[in-house]
């Protein structure tokens, strides 16, 4: 059995956290800023994108752990940006041409999905890493008027490795929720008589 280990103590403003795929880093949002924590023993968190005059958050680390997409409102509007990771000061690329939130990577790391604040689900296609750095070479609307739950500053959807989307649908006043089935395989086998 695994044992629990405390890696960060005393923060009451944690809102989102994610491991990098290489297991070397933990990124978390504390308040309006992003912090980086090495998984090395005894490491302390350091500011990653932290300016007290605006919000940086709603982030997603690329599958290869070499880029981070995030939302910032430093211009007065929520815009999706892309930076190298963990060396975020090396470059910054605008992903969304207008207000947008909820960046999520396709599992192969070549596409970055986001929701334009007009309600449309967009994809920034062909995220490329070349000799001149990161580049967004195209954007395309996937679908519009999607009736899925919108919940502040984090995505209520994810992208399956085969490209399908999983979204929490808005219930429009009918109530809603998630159902968790523990021991799903055993429950299924019991129902089919195995």
N, C-alpha and C. Protein backbone atom coordinates (compact mmCIF):
# COMPACT_ATOMS: atom_id res chain seq x y z
N UNK A 1 0.84 -1.18 0.00
CA UNK A 1 0.00 0.00 0.00
C UNK A 1 0.88 1.24 0.00
N UNK A 2 0.44 2.26 -0.71
CA UNK A 2 1.18 3.52 -0.79
C UNK A 2 0.99 4.31 0.50
N UNK A 3 1.95 5.12 0.82
CA UNK A 3 1.84 5.97 1.99
C UNK A 3 1.69 7.42 1.55
N UNK A 4 0.93 8.18 2.31
CA UNK A 4 0.72 9.59 2.00
C UNK A 4 1.92 10.40 2.47
N UNK A 5 2.29 11.39 1.67
CA UNK A 5 3.40 12.27 2.02
C UNK A 5 2.96 13.71 1.82
N UNK A 6 3.13 14.54 2.83
CA UNK A 6 2.77 15.95 2.72
C UNK A 6 3.85 16.67 1.93
N UNK A 7 3.44 17.37 0.86
CA UNK A 7 4.41 18.11 0.06
C UNK A 7 4.20 19.62 0.16
N UNK A 8 3.05 20.04 0.61
CA UNK A 8 2.75 21.46 0.72
C UNK A 8 1.79 21.65 1.87
N UNK A 9 2.16 22.47 2.82
CA UNK A 9 1.37 22.65 4.03
C UNK A 9 1.13 24.13 4.26
N UNK A 10 -0.04 24.45 4.75
CA UNK A 10 -0.31 25.82 5.17
C UNK A 10 -0.98 26.70 4.14
N UNK A 11 -1.24 26.21 2.93
CA UNK A 11 -1.92 27.03 1.91
C UNK A 11 -3.40 26.73 1.96
N UNK A 12 -4.19 27.78 2.08
CA UNK A 12 -5.64 27.61 2.08
C UNK A 12 -6.27 28.10 0.79
N UNK A 13 -5.44 28.58 -0.16
CA UNK A 13 -5.97 29.14 -1.39
C UNK A 13 -5.70 28.27 -2.61
N UNK A 14 -5.40 26.99 -2.41
CA UNK A 14 -5.16 26.10 -3.54
C UNK A 14 -6.44 25.86 -4.31
N UNK A 15 -6.39 26.05 -5.64
CA UNK A 15 -7.59 25.90 -6.43
C UNK A 15 -7.45 24.92 -7.57
N UNK A 16 -6.27 24.72 -8.06
CA UNK A 16 -6.04 23.81 -9.18
C UNK A 16 -4.61 23.32 -9.05
N UNK A 17 -4.37 22.03 -9.33
CA UNK A 17 -3.00 21.54 -9.33
C UNK A 17 -2.87 20.45 -10.35
N UNK A 18 -1.62 20.30 -10.85
CA UNK A 18 -1.37 19.32 -11.90
C UNK A 18 0.09 18.90 -11.83
N UNK A 19 0.32 17.60 -11.99
CA UNK A 19 1.68 17.06 -12.14
C UNK A 19 2.11 17.20 -13.58
N UNK A 20 3.38 17.47 -13.82
CA UNK A 20 3.91 17.37 -15.18
C UNK A 20 4.04 15.89 -15.50
N UNK A 21 3.95 15.53 -16.76
CA UNK A 21 3.95 14.12 -17.16
C UNK A 21 5.27 13.43 -16.84
N UNK A 22 6.35 14.19 -16.71
CA UNK A 22 7.63 13.58 -16.36
C UNK A 22 7.78 13.39 -14.85
N UNK A 23 6.79 13.84 -14.07
CA UNK A 23 6.79 13.65 -12.63
C UNK A 23 7.73 14.58 -11.88
N UNK A 24 8.36 15.52 -12.56
CA UNK A 24 9.35 16.40 -11.92
C UNK A 24 8.74 17.62 -11.25
N UNK A 25 7.53 18.03 -11.68
CA UNK A 25 6.96 19.29 -11.22
C UNK A 25 5.50 19.15 -10.82
N UNK A 26 5.11 20.00 -9.89
CA UNK A 26 3.70 20.22 -9.57
C UNK A 26 3.45 21.71 -9.81
N UNK A 27 2.43 22.02 -10.59
CA UNK A 27 2.01 23.41 -10.78
C UNK A 27 0.69 23.55 -10.05
N UNK A 28 0.54 24.66 -9.32
CA UNK A 28 -0.75 24.90 -8.67
C UNK A 28 -1.09 26.37 -8.73
N UNK A 29 -2.40 26.61 -8.65
CA UNK A 29 -2.89 27.99 -8.59
C UNK A 29 -3.18 28.29 -7.13
N UNK A 30 -2.59 29.36 -6.67
CA UNK A 30 -2.87 29.86 -5.33
C UNK A 30 -3.39 31.27 -5.47
N UNK A 31 -4.66 31.47 -5.17
CA UNK A 31 -5.27 32.79 -5.37
C UNK A 31 -5.33 33.11 -6.85
N UNK A 32 -4.65 34.18 -7.25
CA UNK A 32 -4.68 34.66 -8.64
C UNK A 32 -3.40 34.34 -9.40
N UNK A 33 -2.53 33.50 -8.83
CA UNK A 33 -1.21 33.28 -9.41
C UNK A 33 -0.89 31.79 -9.54
N UNK A 34 0.12 31.48 -10.37
CA UNK A 34 0.59 30.11 -10.55
C UNK A 34 1.95 29.93 -9.88
N UNK A 35 2.11 28.77 -9.24
CA UNK A 35 3.34 28.44 -8.53
C UNK A 35 3.87 27.10 -9.02
N UNK A 36 5.18 26.93 -8.90
CA UNK A 36 5.88 25.73 -9.34
C UNK A 36 6.53 25.09 -8.12
N UNK A 37 6.35 23.78 -7.99
CA UNK A 37 6.94 23.03 -6.89
C UNK A 37 7.65 21.82 -7.46
N UNK A 38 8.94 21.72 -7.21
CA UNK A 38 9.70 20.54 -7.64
C UNK A 38 9.28 19.37 -6.77
N UNK A 39 9.29 18.17 -7.34
CA UNK A 39 8.94 16.98 -6.56
C UNK A 39 10.15 16.45 -5.78
N UNK A 40 11.29 17.16 -5.84
CA UNK A 40 12.45 16.78 -5.04
C UNK A 40 12.13 16.98 -3.56
N UNK A 41 12.67 16.13 -2.72
CA UNK A 41 12.46 16.25 -1.27
C UNK A 41 12.89 17.62 -0.77
N UNK A 42 12.05 18.20 0.06
CA UNK A 42 12.38 19.46 0.70
C UNK A 42 12.21 20.70 -0.16
N UNK A 43 11.71 20.55 -1.37
CA UNK A 43 11.55 21.70 -2.25
C UNK A 43 10.45 22.63 -1.74
N UNK A 44 10.61 23.89 -2.02
CA UNK A 44 9.63 24.91 -1.66
C UNK A 44 9.02 25.46 -2.96
N UNK A 45 7.75 25.85 -2.93
CA UNK A 45 7.14 26.42 -4.14
C UNK A 45 7.76 27.77 -4.48
N UNK A 46 7.85 28.03 -5.78
CA UNK A 46 8.34 29.31 -6.27
C UNK A 46 7.30 29.88 -7.24
N UNK A 47 7.20 31.21 -7.34
CA UNK A 47 6.26 31.79 -8.29
C UNK A 47 6.61 31.37 -9.72
N UNK A 48 5.60 30.97 -10.47
CA UNK A 48 5.78 30.62 -11.89
C UNK A 48 5.27 31.77 -12.75
N UNK A 49 4.00 32.11 -12.58
CA UNK A 49 3.39 33.27 -13.22
C UNK A 49 2.62 33.97 -12.10
N UNK A 50 3.22 34.96 -11.53
CA UNK A 50 2.65 35.58 -10.33
C UNK A 50 2.87 37.08 -10.34
N UNK A 51 1.87 37.81 -10.74
CA UNK A 51 1.89 39.26 -10.69
C UNK A 51 0.63 39.68 -9.96
N UNK A 52 0.74 40.40 -8.86
CA UNK A 52 -0.45 40.72 -8.05
C UNK A 52 -1.45 41.63 -8.75
N UNK A 53 -1.09 42.21 -9.89
CA UNK A 53 -2.01 43.14 -10.55
C UNK A 53 -2.98 42.47 -11.52
N UNK A 54 -2.84 41.16 -11.76
CA UNK A 54 -3.79 40.47 -12.63
C UNK A 54 -3.80 38.98 -12.34
N UNK A 55 -4.79 38.31 -12.94
CA UNK A 55 -5.01 36.88 -12.75
C UNK A 55 -4.21 36.07 -13.77
N UNK A 56 -3.51 35.02 -13.31
CA UNK A 56 -2.92 34.00 -14.15
C UNK A 56 -3.39 32.66 -13.60
N UNK A 57 -4.03 31.86 -14.41
CA UNK A 57 -4.52 30.58 -13.89
C UNK A 57 -5.15 29.76 -14.99
N UNK A 58 -6.06 28.87 -14.60
CA UNK A 58 -6.75 27.97 -15.52
C UNK A 58 -5.74 27.42 -16.53
N UNK A 59 -4.80 26.63 -16.03
CA UNK A 59 -3.65 26.19 -16.82
C UNK A 59 -3.74 24.73 -17.21
N UNK A 60 -2.90 24.34 -18.16
CA UNK A 60 -2.77 22.94 -18.58
C UNK A 60 -1.34 22.74 -19.07
N UNK A 61 -0.66 21.76 -18.49
CA UNK A 61 0.71 21.43 -18.91
C UNK A 61 0.62 20.48 -20.10
N UNK A 62 1.45 20.70 -21.10
CA UNK A 62 1.41 19.85 -22.30
C UNK A 62 1.80 18.42 -21.95
N UNK A 63 1.34 17.45 -22.75
CA UNK A 63 1.65 16.04 -22.49
C UNK A 63 3.15 15.74 -22.46
N UNK A 64 3.97 16.50 -23.20
CA UNK A 64 5.42 16.27 -23.16
C UNK A 64 6.12 17.08 -22.07
N UNK A 65 5.36 17.79 -21.26
CA UNK A 65 5.87 18.60 -20.15
C UNK A 65 6.84 19.69 -20.60
N UNK A 66 6.68 20.18 -21.84
CA UNK A 66 7.57 21.21 -22.36
C UNK A 66 6.89 22.55 -22.59
N UNK A 67 5.55 22.61 -22.39
CA UNK A 67 4.80 23.84 -22.59
C UNK A 67 3.69 23.92 -21.55
N UNK A 68 3.24 25.13 -21.28
CA UNK A 68 2.10 25.33 -20.40
C UNK A 68 1.17 26.35 -21.05
N UNK A 69 -0.10 26.01 -21.11
CA UNK A 69 -1.13 26.93 -21.58
C UNK A 69 -1.84 27.46 -20.34
N UNK A 70 -2.24 28.71 -20.38
CA UNK A 70 -2.90 29.29 -19.21
C UNK A 70 -3.72 30.50 -19.65
N UNK A 71 -4.57 30.97 -18.74
CA UNK A 71 -5.39 32.14 -18.99
C UNK A 71 -4.85 33.29 -18.15
N UNK A 72 -4.75 34.46 -18.76
CA UNK A 72 -4.36 35.66 -18.03
C UNK A 72 -5.29 36.80 -18.42
N UNK A 73 -5.58 37.67 -17.45
CA UNK A 73 -6.40 38.84 -17.76
C UNK A 73 -5.59 40.13 -17.67
N UNK A 74 -4.30 40.04 -17.94
CA UNK A 74 -3.44 41.22 -17.85
C UNK A 74 -3.82 42.31 -18.84
N UNK A 75 -4.50 41.96 -19.93
CA UNK A 75 -4.95 42.96 -20.91
C UNK A 75 -6.33 43.53 -20.56
N UNK A 76 -6.95 42.99 -19.52
CA UNK A 76 -8.31 43.38 -19.17
C UNK A 76 -9.33 42.35 -19.61
N UNK A 77 -8.93 41.41 -20.45
CA UNK A 77 -9.80 40.32 -20.90
C UNK A 77 -9.08 39.01 -20.67
N UNK A 78 -9.83 37.93 -20.45
CA UNK A 78 -9.23 36.60 -20.32
C UNK A 78 -8.74 36.14 -21.69
N UNK A 79 -7.44 35.88 -21.79
CA UNK A 79 -6.82 35.44 -23.04
C UNK A 79 -6.02 34.18 -22.73
N UNK A 80 -6.03 33.20 -23.65
CA UNK A 80 -5.23 31.99 -23.50
C UNK A 80 -3.85 32.23 -24.11
N UNK A 81 -2.82 31.92 -23.33
CA UNK A 81 -1.43 32.06 -23.75
C UNK A 81 -0.73 30.71 -23.67
N UNK A 82 0.41 30.64 -24.31
CA UNK A 82 1.25 29.44 -24.31
C UNK A 82 2.69 29.88 -24.03
N UNK A 83 3.35 29.14 -23.13
CA UNK A 83 4.75 29.43 -22.79
C UNK A 83 5.53 28.13 -22.71
N UNK A 84 6.85 28.22 -22.88
CA UNK A 84 7.68 27.03 -22.62
C UNK A 84 7.59 26.67 -21.13
N UNK A 85 7.80 25.42 -20.81
CA UNK A 85 7.72 24.98 -19.42
C UNK A 85 8.94 24.14 -19.08
N UNK A 86 9.56 24.33 -17.92
CA UNK A 86 9.19 25.25 -16.84
C UNK A 86 9.80 26.63 -16.99
N UNK A 87 10.53 26.89 -18.07
CA UNK A 87 11.19 28.19 -18.28
C UNK A 87 10.23 29.18 -18.94
N UNK A 88 9.22 29.61 -18.20
CA UNK A 88 8.14 30.41 -18.77
C UNK A 88 8.59 31.79 -19.24
N UNK A 89 9.71 32.27 -18.76
CA UNK A 89 10.18 33.61 -19.16
C UNK A 89 10.81 33.61 -20.55
N UNK A 90 11.05 32.44 -21.13
CA UNK A 90 11.72 32.37 -22.43
C UNK A 90 10.87 32.87 -23.59
N UNK A 91 9.54 32.76 -23.50
CA UNK A 91 8.68 33.18 -24.61
C UNK A 91 7.23 33.21 -24.13
N UNK A 92 6.39 33.89 -24.90
CA UNK A 92 4.94 33.87 -24.68
C UNK A 92 4.25 34.03 -26.01
N UNK A 93 3.29 33.13 -26.29
CA UNK A 93 2.55 33.14 -27.55
C UNK A 93 1.07 33.28 -27.24
N UNK A 94 0.38 34.17 -27.95
CA UNK A 94 -1.07 34.31 -27.81
C UNK A 94 -1.73 33.15 -28.54
N UNK A 95 -2.61 32.44 -27.86
CA UNK A 95 -3.33 31.32 -28.49
C UNK A 95 -4.69 31.79 -28.97
N UNK A 96 -5.46 32.43 -28.09
CA UNK A 96 -6.81 32.86 -28.46
C UNK A 96 -6.78 34.29 -28.99
N UNK A 97 -7.34 34.53 -30.17
CA UNK A 97 -7.32 35.88 -30.73
C UNK A 97 -8.26 36.83 -29.99
N UNK A 98 -9.17 36.28 -29.18
CA UNK A 98 -10.09 37.08 -28.39
C UNK A 98 -10.28 36.44 -27.04
N UNK A 99 -11.20 36.97 -26.24
CA UNK A 99 -11.41 36.43 -24.90
C UNK A 99 -11.74 34.93 -24.93
N UNK A 100 -11.05 34.17 -24.08
CA UNK A 100 -11.23 32.72 -24.04
C UNK A 100 -10.73 32.17 -22.72
N UNK A 101 -11.18 30.96 -22.40
CA UNK A 101 -10.82 30.29 -21.16
C UNK A 101 -10.71 28.79 -21.40
N UNK A 102 -10.38 28.04 -20.36
CA UNK A 102 -10.42 26.59 -20.33
C UNK A 102 -9.49 25.89 -21.33
N UNK A 103 -8.21 26.19 -21.34
CA UNK A 103 -7.32 25.48 -22.25
C UNK A 103 -7.13 24.02 -21.83
N UNK A 104 -7.19 23.10 -22.79
CA UNK A 104 -6.93 21.68 -22.54
C UNK A 104 -6.23 21.11 -23.75
N UNK A 105 -5.22 20.29 -23.51
CA UNK A 105 -4.41 19.71 -24.57
C UNK A 105 -5.04 18.45 -25.13
N UNK A 106 -4.90 18.25 -26.44
CA UNK A 106 -5.12 16.93 -27.02
C UNK A 106 -4.00 16.05 -26.51
N UNK A 107 -4.23 14.76 -26.37
CA UNK A 107 -3.25 13.88 -25.74
C UNK A 107 -1.93 13.79 -26.50
N UNK A 108 -1.94 14.06 -27.81
CA UNK A 108 -0.68 14.00 -28.56
C UNK A 108 0.08 15.33 -28.51
N UNK A 109 -0.49 16.35 -27.89
CA UNK A 109 0.19 17.61 -27.71
C UNK A 109 0.25 18.51 -28.93
N UNK A 110 -0.43 18.14 -30.01
CA UNK A 110 -0.38 18.95 -31.23
C UNK A 110 -1.53 19.94 -31.33
N UNK A 111 -2.55 19.78 -30.49
CA UNK A 111 -3.69 20.69 -30.50
C UNK A 111 -3.97 21.16 -29.08
N UNK A 112 -4.43 22.40 -29.00
CA UNK A 112 -4.84 22.98 -27.73
C UNK A 112 -6.27 23.46 -27.89
N UNK A 113 -7.16 22.91 -27.10
CA UNK A 113 -8.58 23.30 -27.15
C UNK A 113 -8.84 24.38 -26.12
N UNK A 114 -9.80 25.23 -26.42
CA UNK A 114 -10.23 26.25 -25.46
C UNK A 114 -11.64 26.66 -25.81
N UNK A 115 -12.28 27.37 -24.87
CA UNK A 115 -13.63 27.86 -25.11
C UNK A 115 -13.57 29.37 -25.28
N UNK A 116 -13.97 29.83 -26.45
CA UNK A 116 -14.08 31.27 -26.68
C UNK A 116 -15.25 31.78 -25.84
N UNK A 117 -15.13 32.98 -25.33
CA UNK A 117 -16.18 33.49 -24.44
C UNK A 117 -17.47 33.82 -25.18
N UNK A 118 -17.50 33.62 -26.47
CA UNK A 118 -18.76 33.70 -27.22
C UNK A 118 -19.56 32.42 -27.02
N UNK A 119 -18.96 31.40 -26.36
CA UNK A 119 -19.62 30.13 -26.13
C UNK A 119 -19.14 29.04 -27.04
N UNK A 120 -18.40 29.39 -28.08
CA UNK A 120 -17.94 28.38 -29.03
C UNK A 120 -16.79 27.58 -28.46
N UNK A 121 -16.73 26.30 -28.79
CA UNK A 121 -15.57 25.48 -28.45
C UNK A 121 -14.62 25.58 -29.62
N UNK A 122 -13.42 25.99 -29.35
CA UNK A 122 -12.45 26.19 -30.40
C UNK A 122 -11.30 25.21 -30.24
N UNK A 123 -10.50 25.08 -31.28
CA UNK A 123 -9.25 24.34 -31.19
C UNK A 123 -8.16 25.19 -31.83
N UNK A 124 -7.07 25.34 -31.14
CA UNK A 124 -5.91 25.98 -31.76
C UNK A 124 -5.09 24.84 -32.33
N UNK A 125 -5.19 24.61 -33.60
CA UNK A 125 -4.56 23.44 -34.23
C UNK A 125 -3.09 23.70 -34.48
N UNK A 126 -2.37 22.61 -34.66
CA UNK A 126 -0.98 22.65 -35.06
C UNK A 126 -0.12 23.52 -34.16
N UNK A 127 -0.12 23.19 -32.87
CA UNK A 127 0.84 23.81 -31.96
C UNK A 127 2.19 23.21 -32.32
N UNK A 128 3.11 24.04 -32.72
CA UNK A 128 4.40 23.56 -33.22
C UNK A 128 5.53 24.11 -32.39
N UNK A 129 6.56 23.30 -32.20
CA UNK A 129 7.78 23.74 -31.53
C UNK A 129 8.89 23.65 -32.55
N UNK A 130 9.31 24.79 -33.04
CA UNK A 130 10.36 24.82 -34.05
C UNK A 130 11.60 25.51 -33.52
N UNK A 131 12.58 25.75 -34.39
CA UNK A 131 13.81 26.40 -33.96
C UNK A 131 13.58 27.82 -33.46
N UNK A 132 12.49 28.45 -33.93
CA UNK A 132 12.18 29.81 -33.49
C UNK A 132 11.21 29.83 -32.31
N UNK A 133 10.91 28.67 -31.72
CA UNK A 133 10.06 28.60 -30.53
C UNK A 133 8.69 28.03 -30.81
N UNK A 134 7.76 28.32 -29.93
CA UNK A 134 6.38 27.83 -30.03
C UNK A 134 5.61 28.65 -31.04
N UNK A 135 4.68 27.98 -31.74
CA UNK A 135 3.89 28.68 -32.75
C UNK A 135 2.51 28.06 -32.83
N UNK A 136 1.49 28.91 -32.97
CA UNK A 136 0.11 28.47 -33.21
C UNK A 136 -0.15 28.74 -34.68
N UNK A 137 -0.35 27.69 -35.47
CA UNK A 137 -0.45 27.90 -36.90
C UNK A 137 -1.86 27.87 -37.45
N UNK A 138 -2.85 27.65 -36.63
CA UNK A 138 -4.22 27.68 -37.14
C UNK A 138 -5.22 27.52 -36.03
N UNK A 139 -6.42 28.01 -36.26
CA UNK A 139 -7.51 27.86 -35.30
C UNK A 139 -8.76 27.47 -36.07
N UNK A 140 -9.56 26.63 -35.45
CA UNK A 140 -10.80 26.24 -36.13
C UNK A 140 -11.89 26.02 -35.09
N UNK A 141 -13.11 26.40 -35.43
CA UNK A 141 -14.24 26.18 -34.54
C UNK A 141 -14.67 24.73 -34.64
N UNK A 142 -14.76 24.07 -33.49
CA UNK A 142 -15.21 22.68 -33.49
C UNK A 142 -16.72 22.58 -33.47
N UNK A 143 -17.35 23.25 -32.53
CA UNK A 143 -18.81 23.27 -32.45
C UNK A 143 -19.21 24.48 -31.64
N UNK A 144 -20.47 24.89 -31.81
CA UNK A 144 -20.95 26.07 -31.11
C UNK A 144 -22.23 25.73 -30.36
N UNK A 145 -22.59 26.66 -29.50
CA UNK A 145 -23.82 26.51 -28.72
C UNK A 145 -23.88 25.19 -27.97
N UNK A 146 -22.77 24.81 -27.36
CA UNK A 146 -22.72 23.58 -26.59
C UNK A 146 -23.33 23.84 -25.22
N UNK A 147 -24.24 22.98 -24.80
CA UNK A 147 -24.93 23.15 -23.53
C UNK A 147 -24.17 22.41 -22.43
N UNK A 148 -22.97 22.90 -22.13
CA UNK A 148 -22.23 22.26 -21.06
C UNK A 148 -21.99 23.24 -19.93
N UNK A 149 -21.76 22.69 -18.75
CA UNK A 149 -21.63 23.48 -17.54
C UNK A 149 -20.39 24.35 -17.59
N UNK A 150 -20.56 25.59 -17.24
CA UNK A 150 -19.46 26.53 -17.16
C UNK A 150 -19.32 26.89 -15.69
N UNK A 151 -18.11 26.73 -15.16
CA UNK A 151 -17.92 26.89 -13.73
C UNK A 151 -16.69 27.73 -13.44
N UNK A 152 -16.81 29.02 -13.62
CA UNK A 152 -15.74 29.92 -13.22
C UNK A 152 -14.46 29.71 -13.99
N UNK A 153 -13.36 29.51 -13.29
CA UNK A 153 -12.05 29.53 -13.90
C UNK A 153 -11.41 28.16 -14.01
N UNK A 154 -12.18 27.13 -14.30
CA UNK A 154 -11.58 25.84 -14.64
C UNK A 154 -12.53 25.06 -15.54
N UNK A 155 -11.94 24.25 -16.40
CA UNK A 155 -12.70 23.56 -17.45
C UNK A 155 -13.61 22.49 -16.86
N UNK A 156 -14.77 22.37 -17.43
CA UNK A 156 -15.72 21.33 -17.07
C UNK A 156 -15.81 20.33 -18.23
N UNK A 157 -14.69 20.15 -18.92
CA UNK A 157 -14.61 19.19 -20.01
C UNK A 157 -13.20 18.63 -20.05
N UNK A 158 -13.02 17.52 -20.76
CA UNK A 158 -11.70 16.97 -21.01
C UNK A 158 -11.73 16.32 -22.38
N UNK A 159 -10.54 16.03 -22.89
CA UNK A 159 -10.39 15.46 -24.23
C UNK A 159 -9.85 14.05 -24.09
N UNK A 160 -10.57 13.07 -24.63
CA UNK A 160 -10.16 11.67 -24.61
C UNK A 160 -8.98 11.48 -25.57
N UNK A 161 -8.12 10.49 -25.32
CA UNK A 161 -7.00 10.26 -26.24
C UNK A 161 -7.41 10.08 -27.70
N UNK A 162 -8.63 9.58 -27.96
CA UNK A 162 -9.05 9.40 -29.35
C UNK A 162 -9.70 10.65 -29.94
N UNK A 163 -9.73 11.75 -29.17
CA UNK A 163 -10.26 13.01 -29.68
C UNK A 163 -11.68 13.32 -29.27
N UNK A 164 -12.39 12.37 -28.65
CA UNK A 164 -13.75 12.67 -28.18
C UNK A 164 -13.69 13.61 -26.98
N UNK A 165 -14.78 14.35 -26.76
CA UNK A 165 -14.88 15.26 -25.63
C UNK A 165 -15.82 14.70 -24.58
N UNK A 166 -15.48 14.91 -23.33
CA UNK A 166 -16.36 14.61 -22.21
C UNK A 166 -16.69 15.94 -21.57
N UNK A 167 -17.98 16.25 -21.49
CA UNK A 167 -18.42 17.53 -20.94
C UNK A 167 -19.50 17.28 -19.90
N UNK A 168 -19.50 18.09 -18.87
CA UNK A 168 -20.59 18.05 -17.90
C UNK A 168 -21.67 18.96 -18.45
N UNK A 169 -22.83 18.38 -18.72
CA UNK A 169 -23.90 19.12 -19.36
C UNK A 169 -24.62 20.00 -18.35
N UNK A 170 -25.00 21.19 -18.78
CA UNK A 170 -25.77 22.10 -17.95
C UNK A 170 -27.17 21.52 -17.79
N UNK A 171 -27.67 21.57 -16.56
CA UNK A 171 -28.98 20.97 -16.29
C UNK A 171 -30.11 21.97 -16.41
N UNK A 172 -29.81 23.25 -16.54
CA UNK A 172 -30.81 24.31 -16.71
C UNK A 172 -31.94 24.19 -15.70
N UNK A 173 -31.58 24.15 -14.41
CA UNK A 173 -32.58 24.16 -13.35
C UNK A 173 -33.18 22.83 -13.00
N UNK A 174 -32.80 21.73 -13.69
CA UNK A 174 -33.39 20.43 -13.40
C UNK A 174 -32.62 19.69 -12.32
N UNK A 175 -31.57 20.29 -11.81
CA UNK A 175 -30.73 19.57 -10.85
C UNK A 175 -29.74 18.73 -11.63
N UNK A 176 -28.71 18.33 -11.01
CA UNK A 176 -27.73 17.53 -11.73
C UNK A 176 -26.72 16.98 -10.77
N UNK A 177 -25.77 16.29 -11.28
CA UNK A 177 -24.74 15.73 -10.44
C UNK A 177 -23.99 14.64 -11.17
N UNK A 178 -23.06 14.07 -10.49
CA UNK A 178 -22.27 12.97 -11.02
C UNK A 178 -22.59 11.73 -10.21
N UNK A 179 -22.59 10.60 -10.85
CA UNK A 179 -22.79 9.33 -10.17
C UNK A 179 -21.48 8.58 -10.20
N UNK A 180 -21.02 8.17 -9.04
CA UNK A 180 -19.79 7.40 -8.93
C UNK A 180 -20.16 5.98 -8.56
N UNK A 181 -19.71 5.02 -9.34
CA UNK A 181 -19.97 3.61 -9.06
C UNK A 181 -18.67 2.99 -8.59
N UNK A 182 -18.62 2.63 -7.32
CA UNK A 182 -17.44 1.96 -6.80
C UNK A 182 -17.49 0.50 -7.19
N UNK A 183 -16.35 -0.11 -7.38
CA UNK A 183 -16.24 -1.52 -7.77
C UNK A 183 -17.08 -1.80 -9.01
N UNK A 184 -16.90 -0.96 -10.04
CA UNK A 184 -17.71 -1.04 -11.24
C UNK A 184 -17.65 -2.42 -11.90
N UNK A 185 -16.45 -2.99 -12.04
CA UNK A 185 -16.31 -4.28 -12.71
C UNK A 185 -17.08 -5.36 -11.96
N UNK A 186 -16.95 -5.38 -10.63
CA UNK A 186 -17.66 -6.38 -9.83
C UNK A 186 -19.18 -6.19 -9.94
N UNK A 187 -19.63 -4.93 -9.93
CA UNK A 187 -21.05 -4.64 -10.07
C UNK A 187 -21.56 -5.12 -11.44
N UNK A 188 -20.79 -4.85 -12.49
CA UNK A 188 -21.18 -5.28 -13.83
C UNK A 188 -21.23 -6.81 -13.92
N UNK A 189 -20.22 -7.49 -13.39
CA UNK A 189 -20.20 -8.94 -13.43
C UNK A 189 -21.39 -9.54 -12.67
N UNK A 190 -21.76 -8.95 -11.54
CA UNK A 190 -22.90 -9.44 -10.77
C UNK A 190 -24.19 -9.28 -11.56
N UNK A 191 -24.31 -8.17 -12.27
CA UNK A 191 -25.55 -7.92 -13.03
C UNK A 191 -25.68 -8.83 -14.26
N UNK A 192 -24.57 -9.25 -14.83
CA UNK A 192 -24.66 -10.12 -16.00
C UNK A 192 -24.50 -11.60 -15.64
N UNK A 193 -24.40 -11.86 -14.33
CA UNK A 193 -24.38 -13.25 -13.87
C UNK A 193 -23.06 -13.94 -13.95
N UNK A 194 -22.00 -13.25 -13.86
CA UNK A 194 -20.66 -13.88 -13.89
C UNK A 194 -20.07 -13.99 -12.52
